[in-house]
Amino acid sequence: MTLLHPAGSAPAPFFGDNLTATLIADLAEKGWAHVSKAVSDDLAEALRARLVALEAADALKLAAIGRGDSQMKAAAIRQTQIRWLDGSDAAERRFLDGCEALRRAINEALFAGLFEFEAHFAHYPPGGHYARHLDAFADRPRDRVVSLVLWLNGNWQPGDGGELDLWSGPEDLGPPVATLAPRGGDMLLMLSERIPHAVRETHAPRLGLAGWFRINPGVGGVLDPAV
C-alpha cells in the first residue's frame, strides 16, 4: 500500500520528536529499536478489535514464505494467519498515518529513500511460530529496508509464549542479543536486510501487525509496487 496524503496535510505521528529521534538513532546504531506503549491504548484496542473481527469473519489466510514464483507455505518454518491492510477501516488509516509520519522522519534523518509502506495483521494461534529469518527477500533486488512490528495482545503473560528473538546480524549464530515480549502497544523497528529474528512458539493467541518500509528498485524505469 502506498501512503498518500492531500497536499498541505501532515500525518499524525505516533510519538513526539525526541522519542522519534532516539528510535532512529538506535536503528542506525544497532539495527533495531524498541519502544513500549508506542501507540495510544484506544488505537491499540481498535486495531485489536479489527483483527479479532477479521478472524471471526474467516478473513485471515495462512501466511506463505517468500513472494512471487518462490512463494511457498511451510508449517515447519512459519505458522501464522494474516490479512493485508487496505485502509478501509478507520483504525487501519490511523495506524498507516503514523507509519507515514515515521517514514518521513526516517528519510529526513537517514536519507533512506523509503517510498512506500505495506503491512498485514498477524494472528499466531497456539502452537504458532516463525523460525529465524530475515525480512528482506533473498531472490529480489533491494526492496524491504525497515521492518516494523506492533503487538496487539491485550494481556500478555510470560507463559503465553510468542516472544521475539533478535540477533545482531546474519553472521551472529550465538544466543539472541535480545528477547522481546509481545506486549500490546509495544513497537519494534529493525533493518530488514540485517537483523535476523524468530518468533518463539505461542501457547496463547498472539496478535499483532507487521509492516515494511520499502524503497523502489524499479526495472527499466518502471515502478515496482507492493503486491
Protein backbone atom coordinates (compact mmCIF):
# COMPACT_ATOMS: atom_id res chain seq x y z
CA MET A 1 0.00 0.00 0.00
CA THR A 2 1.35 3.42 -0.97
CA LEU A 3 0.72 6.11 1.61
CA LEU A 4 -0.64 9.30 0.10
CA HIS A 5 -1.79 12.49 1.82
CA PRO A 6 -3.59 15.54 0.43
CA ALA A 7 -1.38 18.47 -0.45
CA GLY A 8 -0.53 20.51 2.62
CA SER A 9 -1.59 17.83 5.09
CA ALA A 10 0.72 16.32 7.69
CA PRO A 11 0.31 12.77 9.02
CA ALA A 12 -0.24 12.39 12.77
CA PRO A 13 2.90 10.83 14.35
CA PHE A 14 2.82 8.04 16.92
CA PHE A 15 5.08 9.94 19.32
CA GLY A 16 6.99 13.19 19.80
CA ASP A 17 10.13 14.41 18.07
CA ASN A 18 12.53 13.42 20.87
CA LEU A 19 11.39 9.79 21.02
CA THR A 20 11.33 9.58 17.23
CA ALA A 21 14.93 10.83 17.10
CA THR A 22 16.02 8.31 19.76
CA LEU A 23 14.41 5.42 17.89
CA ILE A 24 16.01 6.42 14.61
CA ALA A 25 19.42 6.76 16.32
CA ASP A 26 19.07 3.25 17.80
CA LEU A 27 18.00 1.90 14.42
CA ALA A 28 21.08 3.38 12.75
CA GLU A 29 23.49 2.32 15.51
CA LYS A 30 22.46 -1.24 16.34
CA GLY A 31 19.98 -2.13 13.61
CA TRP A 32 16.86 -2.21 15.77
CA ALA A 33 14.86 -0.05 18.17
CA HIS A 34 12.10 -0.90 20.64
CA VAL A 35 9.57 1.32 22.43
CA SER A 36 6.93 0.40 25.00
CA LYS A 37 3.41 1.78 24.56
CA ALA A 38 4.23 3.24 21.17
CA VAL A 39 0.58 3.82 20.28
CA SER A 40 -2.33 5.04 22.38
CA ASP A 41 -4.44 2.50 24.23
CA ASP A 42 -7.50 3.37 22.16
CA LEU A 43 -5.67 2.80 18.87
CA ALA A 44 -4.21 -0.49 20.09
CA GLU A 45 -7.69 -1.61 21.18
CA ALA A 46 -9.26 -0.53 17.88
CA LEU A 47 -6.64 -2.44 15.88
CA ARG A 48 -7.07 -5.47 18.14
CA ALA A 49 -10.84 -5.37 17.63
CA ARG A 50 -10.34 -5.11 13.87
CA LEU A 51 -8.10 -8.19 13.84
CA VAL A 52 -10.50 -10.18 16.05
CA ALA A 53 -13.39 -9.25 13.73
CA LEU A 54 -11.42 -10.34 10.67
CA GLU A 55 -10.66 -13.66 12.31
CA ALA A 56 -14.32 -14.16 13.24
CA ALA A 57 -15.28 -13.45 9.62
CA ASP A 58 -12.77 -16.07 8.42
CA ALA A 59 -10.95 -13.30 6.53
CA LEU A 60 -7.42 -14.36 7.52
CA LYS A 61 -5.31 -16.66 5.39
CA LEU A 62 -2.35 -18.90 6.11
CA ALA A 63 0.86 -16.94 5.60
CA ALA A 64 3.38 -18.05 3.00
CA ILE A 65 7.15 -17.62 2.77
CA GLY A 66 8.69 -15.54 0.01
CA ARG A 67 6.96 -13.73 -2.84
CA GLY A 68 6.03 -14.39 -6.44
CA ASP A 69 7.28 -17.59 -8.05
CA SER A 70 9.32 -18.51 -4.98
CA GLN A 71 6.37 -18.28 -2.58
CA MET A 72 5.55 -21.37 -0.56
CA LYS A 73 3.80 -22.49 2.60
CA ALA A 74 5.94 -24.38 5.11
CA ALA A 75 4.43 -25.00 8.54
CA ALA A 76 7.80 -26.14 9.90
CA ILE A 77 9.14 -22.60 9.30
CA ARG A 78 6.12 -20.36 9.73
CA GLN A 79 2.68 -20.90 11.20
CA THR A 80 0.56 -17.77 11.29
CA GLN A 81 -2.51 -16.24 9.65
CA ILE A 82 -2.51 -12.80 8.03
CA ARG A 83 -4.63 -10.14 6.37
CA TRP A 84 -3.07 -7.25 4.43
CA LEU A 85 -4.15 -3.75 5.42
CA ASP A 86 -6.09 -1.84 2.77
CA GLY A 87 -7.04 1.30 4.70
CA SER A 88 -10.77 0.51 4.57
CA ASP A 89 -11.07 0.71 8.37
CA ALA A 90 -10.62 3.85 10.49
CA ALA A 91 -8.13 2.17 12.84
CA GLU A 92 -6.08 0.97 9.88
CA ARG A 93 -5.97 4.50 8.50
CA ARG A 94 -4.80 5.92 11.84
CA PHE A 95 -2.04 3.31 12.01
CA LEU A 96 -0.97 3.93 8.42
CA ASP A 97 -0.95 7.68 9.09
CA GLY A 98 1.50 7.19 11.96
CA CYS A 99 3.67 4.98 9.77
CA GLU A 100 3.73 7.68 7.10
CA ALA A 101 4.95 10.21 9.67
CA LEU A 102 7.63 7.72 10.70
CA ARG A 103 8.64 7.14 7.07
CA ARG A 104 9.16 10.86 6.57
CA ALA A 105 11.18 11.15 9.79
CA ILE A 106 13.47 8.23 8.87
CA ASN A 107 14.03 9.65 5.39
CA GLU A 108 14.85 13.08 6.79
CA ALA A 109 17.33 11.71 9.34
CA LEU A 110 18.96 8.89 7.37
CA PHE A 111 18.34 9.79 3.71
CA ALA A 112 16.91 6.27 3.42
CA GLY A 113 14.81 6.80 0.30
CA LEU A 114 11.82 4.94 1.74
CA PHE A 115 8.85 5.48 -0.57
CA GLU A 116 6.17 3.00 0.43
CA PHE A 117 4.82 1.02 3.35
CA GLU A 118 2.96 -2.29 3.37
CA ALA A 119 1.59 -4.12 6.40
CA HIS A 120 -0.58 -7.02 7.47
CA PHE A 121 -2.33 -8.18 10.59
CA ALA A 122 -0.77 -11.33 12.04
CA HIS A 123 -2.54 -13.91 14.20
CA TYR A 124 -0.48 -16.71 15.70
CA PRO A 125 -2.72 -19.46 17.12
CA PRO A 126 -1.44 -21.63 19.98
CA GLY A 127 1.46 -23.60 18.53
CA GLY A 128 2.25 -20.83 16.03
CA HIS A 129 5.85 -19.82 15.40
CA TYR A 130 8.26 -18.36 12.84
CA ALA A 131 11.79 -19.74 12.52
CA ARG A 132 14.83 -17.46 12.34
CA HIS A 133 14.78 -15.37 9.15
CA LEU A 134 15.47 -12.01 7.54
CA ASP A 135 12.56 -9.93 6.23
CA ALA A 136 14.33 -8.95 3.01
CA PHE A 137 13.70 -11.36 0.13
CA ALA A 138 16.88 -13.13 -0.96
CA ASP A 139 15.70 -13.54 -4.57
CA ARG A 140 14.72 -9.90 -5.18
CA PRO A 141 16.58 -6.62 -5.68
CA ARG A 142 16.90 -4.45 -2.58
CA ASP A 143 13.32 -3.81 -1.51
CA ARG A 144 12.29 -4.06 2.15
CA VAL A 145 14.58 -1.81 4.18
CA VAL A 146 12.99 -1.15 7.58
CA SER A 147 10.62 -3.58 9.31
CA LEU A 148 8.01 -2.58 11.87
CA VAL A 149 6.20 -4.78 14.38
CA LEU A 150 3.32 -3.58 16.57
CA TRP A 151 1.95 -6.05 19.10
CA LEU A 152 -1.76 -6.05 19.95
CA ASN A 153 -2.10 -8.62 22.72
CA GLY A 154 -4.47 -7.39 25.41
CA ASN A 155 -2.94 -9.00 28.50
CA TRP A 156 0.17 -10.97 27.56
CA GLN A 157 1.62 -13.19 30.32
CA PRO A 158 5.10 -14.84 30.39
CA GLY A 159 3.61 -18.32 29.95
CA ASP A 160 1.81 -17.26 26.76
CA GLY A 161 4.98 -17.60 24.65
CA GLY A 162 5.43 -15.86 21.30
CA GLU A 163 8.47 -13.81 22.34
CA LEU A 164 10.59 -12.36 19.54
CA ASP A 165 14.30 -13.25 19.48
CA LEU A 166 16.73 -10.84 17.78
CA TRP A 167 20.31 -11.35 16.57
CA SER A 168 22.82 -8.63 15.72
CA GLY A 169 23.38 -9.81 12.14
CA PRO A 170 23.26 -12.81 9.78
CA GLU A 171 26.73 -13.91 10.91
CA ASP A 172 25.66 -13.96 14.59
CA LEU A 173 24.92 -17.62 15.33
CA GLY A 174 25.06 -17.32 19.12
CA PRO A 175 22.25 -16.71 21.59
CA PRO A 176 19.85 -13.86 20.77
CA VAL A 177 21.04 -10.39 21.74
CA ALA A 178 17.50 -9.55 22.85
CA THR A 179 14.23 -11.33 23.52
CA LEU A 180 11.15 -9.09 23.41
CA ALA A 181 7.80 -9.87 24.99
CA PRO A 182 4.86 -9.22 22.63
CA ARG A 183 3.08 -6.78 24.95
CA GLY A 184 0.18 -4.87 23.48
CA GLY A 185 1.09 -1.42 22.18
CA ASP A 186 4.85 -2.08 22.04
CA MET A 187 6.66 -1.43 18.76
CA LEU A 188 9.86 -2.71 17.17
CA LEU A 189 11.78 -1.23 14.23
CA MET A 190 14.62 -3.18 12.61
CA LEU A 191 16.70 -3.22 9.46
CA SER A 192 15.08 -5.79 7.19
CA GLU A 193 18.32 -6.86 5.49
CA ARG A 194 20.46 -7.04 8.62
CA ILE A 195 18.57 -8.29 11.70
CA PRO A 196 17.63 -12.00 11.87
CA HIS A 197 14.71 -12.70 14.17
CA ALA A 198 12.39 -15.52 15.20
CA VAL A 199 9.02 -15.90 16.92
CA ARG A 200 9.01 -18.47 19.69
CA GLU A 201 6.18 -20.98 19.86
CA THR A 202 2.97 -19.48 21.15
CA HIS A 203 0.87 -21.04 23.91
CA ALA A 204 -1.94 -18.50 23.61
CA PRO A 205 -3.18 -16.45 20.63
CA ARG A 206 -0.62 -13.80 19.63
CA LEU A 207 -1.94 -10.72 17.84
CA GLY A 208 -0.02 -8.03 16.03
CA LEU A 209 0.85 -6.09 12.91
CA ALA A 210 3.94 -6.50 10.75
CA GLY A 211 4.96 -3.93 8.16
CA TRP A 212 7.82 -2.93 5.89
CA PHE A 213 9.09 0.39 4.61
CA ARG A 214 10.26 -0.19 1.05
CA ILE A 215 12.44 1.50 -1.49
CA ASN A 216 11.64 1.09 -5.16
CA PRO A 217 14.34 -0.77 -7.07
CA GLY A 218 12.34 -0.47 -10.30
CA VAL A 219 13.18 -2.18 -13.55
CA GLY A 220 13.83 -0.14 -16.65
CA GLY A 221 12.23 2.91 -15.11
CA VAL A 222 9.04 1.00 -14.29
CA LEU A 223 7.75 1.22 -10.74
CA ASP A 224 7.60 -1.99 -8.73
CA PRO A 225 4.55 -1.59 -6.44
CA ALA A 226 3.91 -3.71 -3.38
CA VAL A 227 1.75 -6.76 -4.04
